[in-house]
PDB file of N, CA and C in Angstrom:
ATOM      1  N   UNK A   1       1.097  -4.098 -11.950  1.00  0.00           N
ATOM      2  CA  UNK A   1       2.250  -3.769 -11.122  1.00  0.00           C
ATOM      3  C   UNK A   1       3.388  -4.559 -11.605  1.00  0.00           C
ATOM      4  N   UNK A   2       4.518  -3.991 -11.705  1.00  0.00           N
ATOM      5  CA  UNK A   2       5.697  -4.696 -12.176  1.00  0.00           C
ATOM      6  C   UNK A   2       6.288  -5.530 -11.026  1.00  0.00           C
ATOM      7  N   UNK A   3       6.773  -6.708 -11.330  1.00  0.00           N
ATOM      8  CA  UNK A   3       7.368  -7.526 -10.294  1.00  0.00           C
ATOM      9  C   UNK A   3       8.731  -7.159 -10.054  1.00  0.00           C
ATOM     10  N   UNK A   4       9.206  -7.116  -8.797  1.00  0.00           N
ATOM     11  CA  UNK A   4      10.578  -6.772  -8.427  1.00  0.00           C
ATOM     12  C   UNK A   4      10.618  -6.548  -6.878  1.00  0.00           C
ATOM     13  N   UNK A   5      11.795  -6.237  -6.481  1.00  0.00           N
ATOM     14  CA  UNK A   5      11.984  -6.063  -5.031  1.00  0.00           C
ATOM     15  C   UNK A   5      12.075  -4.660  -4.592  1.00  0.00           C
ATOM     16  N   UNK A   6      11.837  -3.687  -5.519  1.00  0.00           N
ATOM     17  CA  UNK A   6      11.990  -2.302  -5.213  1.00  0.00           C
ATOM     18  C   UNK A   6      10.603  -1.809  -4.666  1.00  0.00           C
ATOM     19  N   UNK A   7      10.690  -1.128  -3.531  1.00  0.00           N
ATOM     20  CA  UNK A   7       9.547  -0.570  -2.889  1.00  0.00           C
ATOM     21  C   UNK A   7       9.019   0.594  -3.738  1.00  0.00           C
ATOM     22  N   UNK A   8       7.711   0.739  -3.919  1.00  0.00           N
ATOM     23  CA  UNK A   8       7.101   1.834  -4.643  1.00  0.00           C
ATOM     24  C   UNK A   8       6.126   2.608  -3.741  1.00  0.00           C
ATOM     25  N   UNK A   9       6.141   3.906  -3.829  1.00  0.00           N
ATOM     26  CA  UNK A   9       5.217   4.758  -3.089  1.00  0.00           C
ATOM     27  C   UNK A   9       4.437   5.650  -4.070  1.00  0.00           C
ATOM     28  N   UNK A  10       3.294   6.097  -3.633  1.00  0.00           N
ATOM     29  CA  UNK A  10       2.520   6.951  -4.423  1.00  0.00           C
ATOM     30  C   UNK A  10       3.248   8.252  -4.797  1.00  0.00           C
ATOM     31  N   UNK A  11       2.967   8.750  -5.974  1.00  0.00           N
ATOM     32  CA  UNK A  11       3.574  10.061  -6.356  1.00  0.00           C
ATOM     33  C   UNK A  11       3.077  11.167  -5.464  1.00  0.00           C
ATOM     34  N   UNK A  12       1.948  10.949  -4.769  1.00  0.00           N
ATOM     35  CA  UNK A  12       1.300  12.035  -3.951  1.00  0.00           C
ATOM     36  C   UNK A  12       2.071  12.203  -2.598  1.00  0.00           C
ATOM     37  N   UNK A  13       2.991  11.355  -2.298  1.00  0.00           N
ATOM     38  CA  UNK A  13       3.715  11.416  -1.012  1.00  0.00           C
ATOM     39  C   UNK A  13       4.676  12.606  -0.931  1.00  0.00           C
ATOM     40  N   UNK A  14       5.165  13.029  -2.097  1.00  0.00           N
ATOM     41  CA  UNK A  14       6.072  14.171  -2.178  1.00  0.00           C
ATOM     42  C   UNK A  14       7.385  13.967  -1.282  1.00  0.00           C
ATOM     43  N   UNK A  15       7.831  12.789  -1.235  1.00  0.00           N
ATOM     44  CA  UNK A  15       9.089  12.507  -0.439  1.00  0.00           C
ATOM     45  C   UNK A  15       9.018  12.845   1.015  1.00  0.00           C
ATOM     46  N   UNK A  16       7.798  12.724   1.602  1.00  0.00           N
ATOM     47  CA  UNK A  16       7.716  13.077   3.064  1.00  0.00           C
ATOM     48  C   UNK A  16       7.810  11.854   3.986  1.00  0.00           C
ATOM     49  N   UNK A  17       8.041  10.670   3.398  1.00  0.00           N
ATOM     50  CA  UNK A  17       8.210   9.448   4.225  1.00  0.00           C
ATOM     51  C   UNK A  17       7.021   9.200   5.172  1.00  0.00           C
ATOM     52  N   UNK A  18       5.835   9.526   4.725  1.00  0.00           N
ATOM     53  CA  UNK A  18       4.653   9.245   5.513  1.00  0.00           C
ATOM     54  C   UNK A  18       3.615   8.600   4.581  1.00  0.00           C
ATOM     55  N   UNK A  19       3.937   7.367   4.137  1.00  0.00           N
ATOM     56  CA  UNK A  19       3.044   6.703   3.196  1.00  0.00           C
ATOM     57  C   UNK A  19       3.151   5.195   3.329  1.00  0.00           C
ATOM     58  N   UNK A  20       2.326   4.573   2.533  1.00  0.00           N
ATOM     59  CA  UNK A  20       2.452   3.128   2.416  1.00  0.00           C
ATOM     60  C   UNK A  20       3.204   2.810   1.128  1.00  0.00           C
ATOM     61  N   UNK A  21       4.079   1.837   1.225  1.00  0.00           N
ATOM     62  CA  UNK A  21       4.905   1.388   0.062  1.00  0.00           C
ATOM     63  C   UNK A  21       4.437  -0.017  -0.274  1.00  0.00           C
ATOM     64  N   UNK A  22       4.645  -0.321  -1.520  1.00  0.00           N
ATOM     65  CA  UNK A  22       4.210  -1.602  -1.980  1.00  0.00           C
ATOM     66  C   UNK A  22       5.229  -2.203  -2.985  1.00  0.00           C
ATOM     67  N   UNK A  23       5.350  -3.532  -3.024  1.00  0.00           N
ATOM     68  CA  UNK A  23       6.218  -4.243  -3.962  1.00  0.00           C
ATOM     69  C   UNK A  23       5.646  -5.622  -4.183  1.00  0.00           C
ATOM     70  N   UNK A  24       6.174  -6.278  -5.211  1.00  0.00           N
ATOM     71  CA  UNK A  24       5.757  -7.647  -5.466  1.00  0.00           C
ATOM     72  C   UNK A  24       7.026  -8.531  -5.404  1.00  0.00           C
ATOM     73  N   UNK A  25       6.932  -9.599  -4.629  1.00  0.00           N
ATOM     74  CA  UNK A  25       8.104 -10.477  -4.490  1.00  0.00           C
ATOM     75  C   UNK A  25       7.602 -11.914  -4.728  1.00  0.00           C
ATOM     76  N   UNK A  26       8.037 -12.523  -5.770  1.00  0.00           N
ATOM     77  CA  UNK A  26       7.606 -13.880  -6.163  1.00  0.00           C
ATOM     78  C   UNK A  26       6.112 -14.063  -6.205  1.00  0.00           C
ATOM     79  N   UNK A  27       5.418 -13.089  -6.751  1.00  0.00           N
ATOM     80  CA  UNK A  27       4.030 -13.126  -6.957  1.00  0.00           C
ATOM     81  C   UNK A  27       3.217 -12.649  -5.703  1.00  0.00           C
ATOM     82  N   UNK A  28       3.874 -12.396  -4.607  1.00  0.00           N
ATOM     83  CA  UNK A  28       3.160 -12.002  -3.342  1.00  0.00           C
ATOM     84  C   UNK A  28       3.307 -10.396  -3.242  1.00  0.00           C
ATOM     85  N   UNK A  29       2.171  -9.751  -2.972  1.00  0.00           N
ATOM     86  CA  UNK A  29       2.091  -8.341  -2.705  1.00  0.00           C
ATOM     87  C   UNK A  29       2.528  -8.033  -1.309  1.00  0.00           C
ATOM     88  N   UNK A  30       3.531  -7.164  -1.112  1.00  0.00           N
ATOM     89  CA  UNK A  30       3.960  -6.797   0.209  1.00  0.00           C
ATOM     90  C   UNK A  30       3.740  -5.299   0.437  1.00  0.00           C
ATOM     91  N   UNK A  31       3.264  -4.933   1.603  1.00  0.00           N
ATOM     92  CA  UNK A  31       3.006  -3.565   1.957  1.00  0.00           C
ATOM     93  C   UNK A  31       3.675  -3.210   3.248  1.00  0.00           C
ATOM     94  N   UNK A  32       4.164  -1.961   3.382  1.00  0.00           N
ATOM     95  CA  UNK A  32       4.767  -1.508   4.615  1.00  0.00           C
ATOM     96  C   UNK A  32       4.557  -0.008   4.764  1.00  0.00           C
ATOM     97  N   UNK A  33       4.695   0.526   5.945  1.00  0.00           N
ATOM     98  CA  UNK A  33       4.656   1.945   6.151  1.00  0.00           C
ATOM     99  C   UNK A  33       6.095   2.460   5.957  1.00  0.00           C
ATOM    100  N   UNK A  34       6.184   3.611   5.264  1.00  0.00           N
ATOM    101  CA  UNK A  34       7.577   4.035   4.947  1.00  0.00           C
ATOM    102  C   UNK A  34       8.335   4.372   6.259  1.00  0.00           C
ATOM    103  N   UNK A  35       7.628   4.832   7.303  1.00  0.00           N
ATOM    104  CA  UNK A  35       8.401   5.164   8.530  1.00  0.00           C
ATOM    105  C   UNK A  35       8.522   4.013   9.514  1.00  0.00           C
ATOM    106  N   UNK A  36       8.085   2.801   9.193  1.00  0.00           N
ATOM    107  CA  UNK A  36       8.199   1.619  10.008  1.00  0.00           C
ATOM    108  C   UNK A  36       8.454   0.413   9.055  1.00  0.00           C
ATOM    109  N   UNK A  37       9.519   0.456   8.383  1.00  0.00           N
ATOM    110  CA  UNK A  37       9.769  -0.605   7.409  1.00  0.00           C
ATOM    111  C   UNK A  37       9.948  -1.955   7.820  1.00  0.00           C
ATOM    112  N   UNK A  38      10.038  -2.264   9.118  1.00  0.00           N
ATOM    113  CA  UNK A  38      10.280  -3.589   9.586  1.00  0.00           C
ATOM    114  C   UNK A  38       8.959  -4.446   9.607  1.00  0.00           C
ATOM    115  N   UNK A  39       7.775  -3.753   9.632  1.00  0.00           N
ATOM    116  CA  UNK A  39       6.543  -4.455   9.598  1.00  0.00           C
ATOM    117  C   UNK A  39       6.008  -4.491   8.170  1.00  0.00           C
ATOM    118  N   UNK A  40       5.874  -5.721   7.668  1.00  0.00           N
ATOM    119  CA  UNK A  40       5.493  -5.956   6.354  1.00  0.00           C
ATOM    120  C   UNK A  40       4.297  -6.839   6.295  1.00  0.00           C
ATOM    121  N   UNK A  41       3.262  -6.467   5.532  1.00  0.00           N
ATOM    122  CA  UNK A  41       2.043  -7.191   5.370  1.00  0.00           C
ATOM    123  C   UNK A  41       2.055  -7.878   4.041  1.00  0.00           C
ATOM    124  N   UNK A  42       1.728  -9.130   3.984  1.00  0.00           N
ATOM    125  CA  UNK A  42       1.722  -9.931   2.705  1.00  0.00           C
ATOM    126  C   UNK A  42       0.294 -10.254   2.336  1.00  0.00           C
ATOM    127  N   UNK A  43      -0.074 -10.201   1.057  1.00  0.00           N
ATOM    128  CA  UNK A  43      -1.369 -10.423   0.593  1.00  0.00           C
ATOM    129  C   UNK A  43      -1.261 -10.947  -0.849  1.00  0.00           C
ATOM    130  N   UNK A  44      -2.388 -11.325  -1.355  1.00  0.00           N
ATOM    131  CA  UNK A  44      -2.466 -11.793  -2.800  1.00  0.00           C
ATOM    132  C   UNK A  44      -2.859 -10.597  -3.675  1.00  0.00           C
ATOM    133  N   UNK A  45      -2.593 -10.802  -4.931  1.00  0.00           N
ATOM    134  CA  UNK A  45      -2.927  -9.769  -5.839  1.00  0.00           C
ATOM    135  C   UNK A  45      -4.469  -9.529  -5.907  1.00  0.00           C
ATOM    136  N   UNK A  46      -5.256 -10.590  -5.811  1.00  0.00           N
ATOM    137  CA  UNK A  46      -6.726 -10.524  -5.820  1.00  0.00           C
ATOM    138  C   UNK A  46      -7.254  -9.684  -4.565  1.00  0.00           C
ATOM    139  N   UNK A  47      -6.663  -9.981  -3.436  1.00  0.00           N
ATOM    140  CA  UNK A  47      -7.087  -9.264  -2.215  1.00  0.00           C
ATOM    141  C   UNK A  47      -6.589  -7.863  -2.249  1.00  0.00           C
ATOM    142  N   UNK A  48      -5.426  -7.584  -2.776  1.00  0.00           N
ATOM    143  CA  UNK A  48      -4.961  -6.144  -2.825  1.00  0.00           C
ATOM    144  C   UNK A  48      -5.914  -5.400  -3.866  1.00  0.00           C
ATOM    145  N   UNK A  49      -6.201  -5.999  -4.916  1.00  0.00           N
ATOM    146  CA  UNK A  49      -7.149  -5.341  -5.926  1.00  0.00           C
ATOM    147  C   UNK A  49      -8.473  -5.021  -5.276  1.00  0.00           C
ATOM    148  N   UNK A  50      -9.028  -5.967  -4.386  1.00  0.00           N
ATOM    149  CA  UNK A  50     -10.289  -5.747  -3.816  1.00  0.00           C
ATOM    150  C   UNK A  50     -10.172  -4.566  -2.777  1.00  0.00           C
ATOM    151  N   UNK A  51      -9.120  -4.593  -2.085  1.00  0.00           N
ATOM    152  CA  UNK A  51      -8.830  -3.473  -1.117  1.00  0.00           C
ATOM    153  C   UNK A  51      -8.778  -2.141  -1.823  1.00  0.00           C
ATOM    154  N   UNK A  52      -8.001  -2.046  -2.914  1.00  0.00           N
ATOM    155  CA  UNK A  52      -7.936  -0.807  -3.714  1.00  0.00           C
ATOM    156  C   UNK A  52      -9.270  -0.339  -4.222  1.00  0.00           C
ATOM    157  N   UNK A  53     -10.067  -1.319  -4.714  1.00  0.00           N
ATOM    158  CA  UNK A  53     -11.440  -0.999  -5.267  1.00  0.00           C
ATOM    159  C   UNK A  53     -12.248  -0.412  -4.116  1.00  0.00           C
ATOM    160  N   UNK A  54     -12.201  -1.049  -2.867  1.00  0.00           N
ATOM    161  CA  UNK A  54     -12.909  -0.545  -1.734  1.00  0.00           C
ATOM    162  C   UNK A  54     -12.544   0.883  -1.349  1.00  0.00           C
ATOM    163  N   UNK A  55     -11.244   1.058  -1.357  1.00  0.00           N
ATOM    164  CA  UNK A  55     -10.682   2.391  -0.956  1.00  0.00           C
ATOM    165  C   UNK A  55     -11.172   3.437  -2.012  1.00  0.00           C
ATOM    166  N   UNK A  56     -11.108   3.127  -3.229  1.00  0.00           N
ATOM    167  CA  UNK A  56     -11.580   4.080  -4.307  1.00  0.00           C
ATOM    168  C   UNK A  56     -13.051   4.373  -4.203  1.00  0.00           C
ATOM    169  N   UNK A  57     -13.830   3.375  -3.693  1.00  0.00           N
ATOM    170  CA  UNK A  57     -15.277   3.517  -3.612  1.00  0.00           C
ATOM    171  C   UNK A  57     -15.760   4.172  -2.300  1.00  0.00           C
ATOM    172  N   UNK A  58     -14.748   4.470  -1.388  1.00  0.00           N
ATOM    173  CA  UNK A  58     -15.038   5.169  -0.112  1.00  0.00           C
ATOM    174  C   UNK A  58     -15.469   4.162   0.968  1.00  0.00           C
ATOM    175  N   UNK A  59     -15.160   2.929   0.805  1.00  0.00           N
ATOM    176  CA  UNK A  59     -15.533   1.973   1.892  1.00  0.00           C
ATOM    177  C   UNK A  59     -14.911   2.170   3.226  1.00  0.00           C
ATOM    178  N   UNK A  60     -13.720   2.853   3.167  1.00  0.00           N
ATOM    179  CA  UNK A  60     -13.017   3.079   4.422  1.00  0.00           C
ATOM    180  C   UNK A  60     -13.021   4.516   4.895  1.00  0.00           C
ATOM    181  N   UNK A  61     -13.812   5.400   4.296  1.00  0.00           N
ATOM    182  CA  UNK A  61     -13.842   6.813   4.605  1.00  0.00           C
ATOM    183  C   UNK A  61     -14.244   7.039   6.073  1.00  0.00           C
ATOM    184  N   UNK A  62     -15.067   6.146   6.623  1.00  0.00           N
ATOM    185  CA  UNK A  62     -15.474   6.294   8.011  1.00  0.00           C
ATOM    186  C   UNK A  62     -14.394   6.148   8.987  1.00  0.00           C
ATOM    187  N   UNK A  63     -13.216   5.591   8.565  1.00  0.00           N
ATOM    188  CA  UNK A  63     -12.108   5.406   9.467  1.00  0.00           C
ATOM    189  C   UNK A  63     -11.184   6.663   9.566  1.00  0.00           C
ATOM    190  N   UNK A  64     -11.396   7.551   8.707  1.00  0.00           N
ATOM    191  CA  UNK A  64     -10.598   8.864   8.768  1.00  0.00           C
ATOM    192  C   UNK A  64     -11.301   9.880   9.582  1.00  0.00           C
ATOM    193  N   UNK A  65     -10.470  10.796  10.100  1.00  0.00           N
ATOM    194  CA  UNK A  65     -11.023  11.825  10.899  1.00  0.00           C
ATOM    195  C   UNK A  65     -10.381  13.144  10.365  1.00  0.00           C
ATOM    196  N   UNK A  66     -11.167  14.232  10.545  1.00  0.00           N
ATOM    197  CA  UNK A  66     -10.692  15.540  10.097  1.00  0.00           C
ATOM    198  C   UNK A  66      -9.762  16.060  11.228  1.00  0.00           C
ATOM    199  N   UNK A  67      -8.544  16.465  10.795  1.00  0.00           N
ATOM    200  CA  UNK A  67      -7.620  17.007  11.701  1.00  0.00           C
ATOM    201  C   UNK A  67      -7.658  18.469  11.803  1.00  0.00           C
TER     202      UNK A  67
END
């Protein structure tokens, strides 16, 4: 991930402002919801990578519901 202050969203969001955005500031990963930009979560690159690996492996699938 490139370092900078620009928020990035997944290309899957299709400009609907209903996504999680991410950026790197001084080596710290920051995440926020696009529709509530005032709440920012800070984490390390290692923890973010572990989260992404878990998400890809389905570790959080039980938290979703069929609408």
